[in-house]
C-alpha atoms as a PDB file:
ATOM      1  CA  MET A   1      82.421  85.592  49.920  1.00  0.00           C
ATOM      2  CA  PRO A   2      85.267  83.233  50.709  1.00  0.00           C
ATOM      3  CA  ARG A   3      87.782  85.338  48.732  1.00  0.00           C
ATOM      4  CA  VAL A   4      87.380  88.521  50.808  1.00  0.00           C
ATOM      5  CA  ASP A   5      86.496  89.245  54.413  1.00  0.00           C
ATOM      6  CA  SER A   6      83.675  91.728  53.771  1.00  0.00           C
ATOM      7  CA  LYS A   7      81.608  93.318  51.049  1.00  0.00           C
ATOM      8  CA  TYR A   8      83.530  96.556  51.575  1.00  0.00           C
ATOM      9  CA  THR A   9      86.800  94.797  50.814  1.00  0.00           C
ATOM     10  CA  LEU A  10      85.209  93.332  47.698  1.00  0.00           C
ATOM     11  CA  VAL A  11      84.137  96.780  46.479  1.00  0.00           C
ATOM     12  CA  ILE A  12      87.558  98.349  47.062  1.00  0.00           C
ATOM     13  CA  LEU A  13      89.425  95.425  45.495  1.00  0.00           C
ATOM     14  CA  ALA A  14      87.148  95.402  42.442  1.00  0.00           C
ATOM     15  CA  ALA A  15      87.392  99.181  42.010  1.00  0.00           C
ATOM     16  CA  LYS A  16      91.185  99.180  42.191  1.00  0.00           C
ATOM     17  CA  ARG A  17      91.428  96.283  39.746  1.00  0.00           C
ATOM     18  CA  ALA A  18      88.924  97.930  37.378  1.00  0.00           C
ATOM     19  CA  ARG A  19      91.071 101.080  37.332  1.00  0.00           C
ATOM     20  CA  SER A  20      94.073  98.897  36.597  1.00  0.00           C
ATOM     21  CA  LEU A  21      92.239  97.284  33.680  1.00  0.00           C
ATOM     22  CA  ILE A  22      91.270 100.710  32.336  1.00  0.00           C
ATOM     23  CA  ASP A  23      94.989 101.579  32.373  1.00  0.00           C
ATOM     24  CA  ASN A  24      95.489  98.710  29.851  1.00  0.00           C
ATOM     25  CA  ASN A  25      96.758  96.046  32.228  1.00  0.00           C
ATOM     26  CA  PRO A  26      95.964  92.573  30.846  1.00  0.00           C
ATOM     27  CA  ASP A  27      92.873  90.601  31.854  1.00  0.00           C
ATOM     28  CA  LEU A  28      93.524  87.543  34.029  1.00  0.00           C
ATOM     29  CA  VAL A  29      90.387  85.761  32.810  1.00  0.00           C
ATOM     30  CA  ASP A  30      88.680  85.317  29.457  1.00  0.00           C
ATOM     31  CA  VAL A  31      85.201  86.854  29.581  1.00  0.00           C
ATOM     32  CA  ALA A  32      82.788  88.040  26.912  1.00  0.00           C
ATOM     33  CA  THR A  33      82.531  91.598  28.231  1.00  0.00           C
ATOM     34  CA  PHE A  34      84.598  94.744  28.057  1.00  0.00           C
ATOM     35  CA  ASN A  35      83.190  96.167  31.290  1.00  0.00           C
ATOM     36  CA  SER A  36      86.193  96.558  33.588  1.00  0.00           C
ATOM     37  CA  VAL A  37      84.181  96.091  36.801  1.00  0.00           C
ATOM     38  CA  SER A  38      82.643  92.855  35.506  1.00  0.00           C
ATOM     39  CA  VAL A  39      86.075  91.568  34.526  1.00  0.00           C
ATOM     40  CA  ALA A  40      87.496  92.515  37.931  1.00  0.00           C
ATOM     41  CA  LEU A  41      84.680  90.749  39.782  1.00  0.00           C
ATOM     42  CA  ARG A  42      85.135  87.622  37.637  1.00  0.00           C
ATOM     43  CA  GLU A  43      88.874  87.648  38.398  1.00  0.00           C
ATOM     44  CA  ILE A  44      88.119  87.844  42.123  1.00  0.00           C
ATOM     45  CA  ALA A  45      85.506  85.079  41.907  1.00  0.00           C
ATOM     46  CA  ASP A  46      87.921  82.828  40.000  1.00  0.00           C
ATOM     47  CA  GLY A  47      90.655  83.365  42.599  1.00  0.00           C
ATOM     48  CA  LYS A  48      93.006  85.166  40.216  1.00  0.00           C
ATOM     49  CA  LEU A  49      93.392  88.122  42.603  1.00  0.00           C
ATOM     50  CA  THR A  50      94.490  87.972  46.202  1.00  0.00           C
ATOM     51  CA  TRP A  51      94.700  90.587  48.894  1.00  0.00           C
ATOM     52  CA  THR A  52      96.309  90.955  52.280  1.00  0.00           C
ATOM     53  CA  MET A  53      95.300  93.107  55.185  1.00  0.00           C
ATOM     54  CA  ASP A  54      98.012  95.380  56.525  1.00  0.00           C
ATOM     55  CA  VAL A  55      98.015  95.333  60.301  1.00  0.00           C
ATOM     56  CA  PRO A  56      99.794  98.306  61.859  1.00  0.00           C
ATOM     57  CA  ASN A  57     102.697  97.523  64.116  1.00  0.00           C
ATOM     58  CA  LYS A  58     101.907  98.586  67.693  1.00  0.00           C
ATOM     59  CA  ASP A  59     105.564  99.380  68.377  1.00  0.00           C
ATOM     60  CA  ALA A  60     105.933 101.735  65.387  1.00  0.00           C
ATOM     61  CA  ASN A  61     105.794 105.105  67.155  1.00  0.00           C
END
């Protein structure tokens, strides 16, 4: 899983992207399926989606 740091990140990223696809956002890859989770996972595997981890600022009190 070089695209994400853990399987939990993969699940969350795929679920959020699948919801986005259900809301009629365009596909970033051309696949032969209409399953939004499959499309989301293919987009992640092809490097079309990126993510960043938000690290809380220790001084933000």
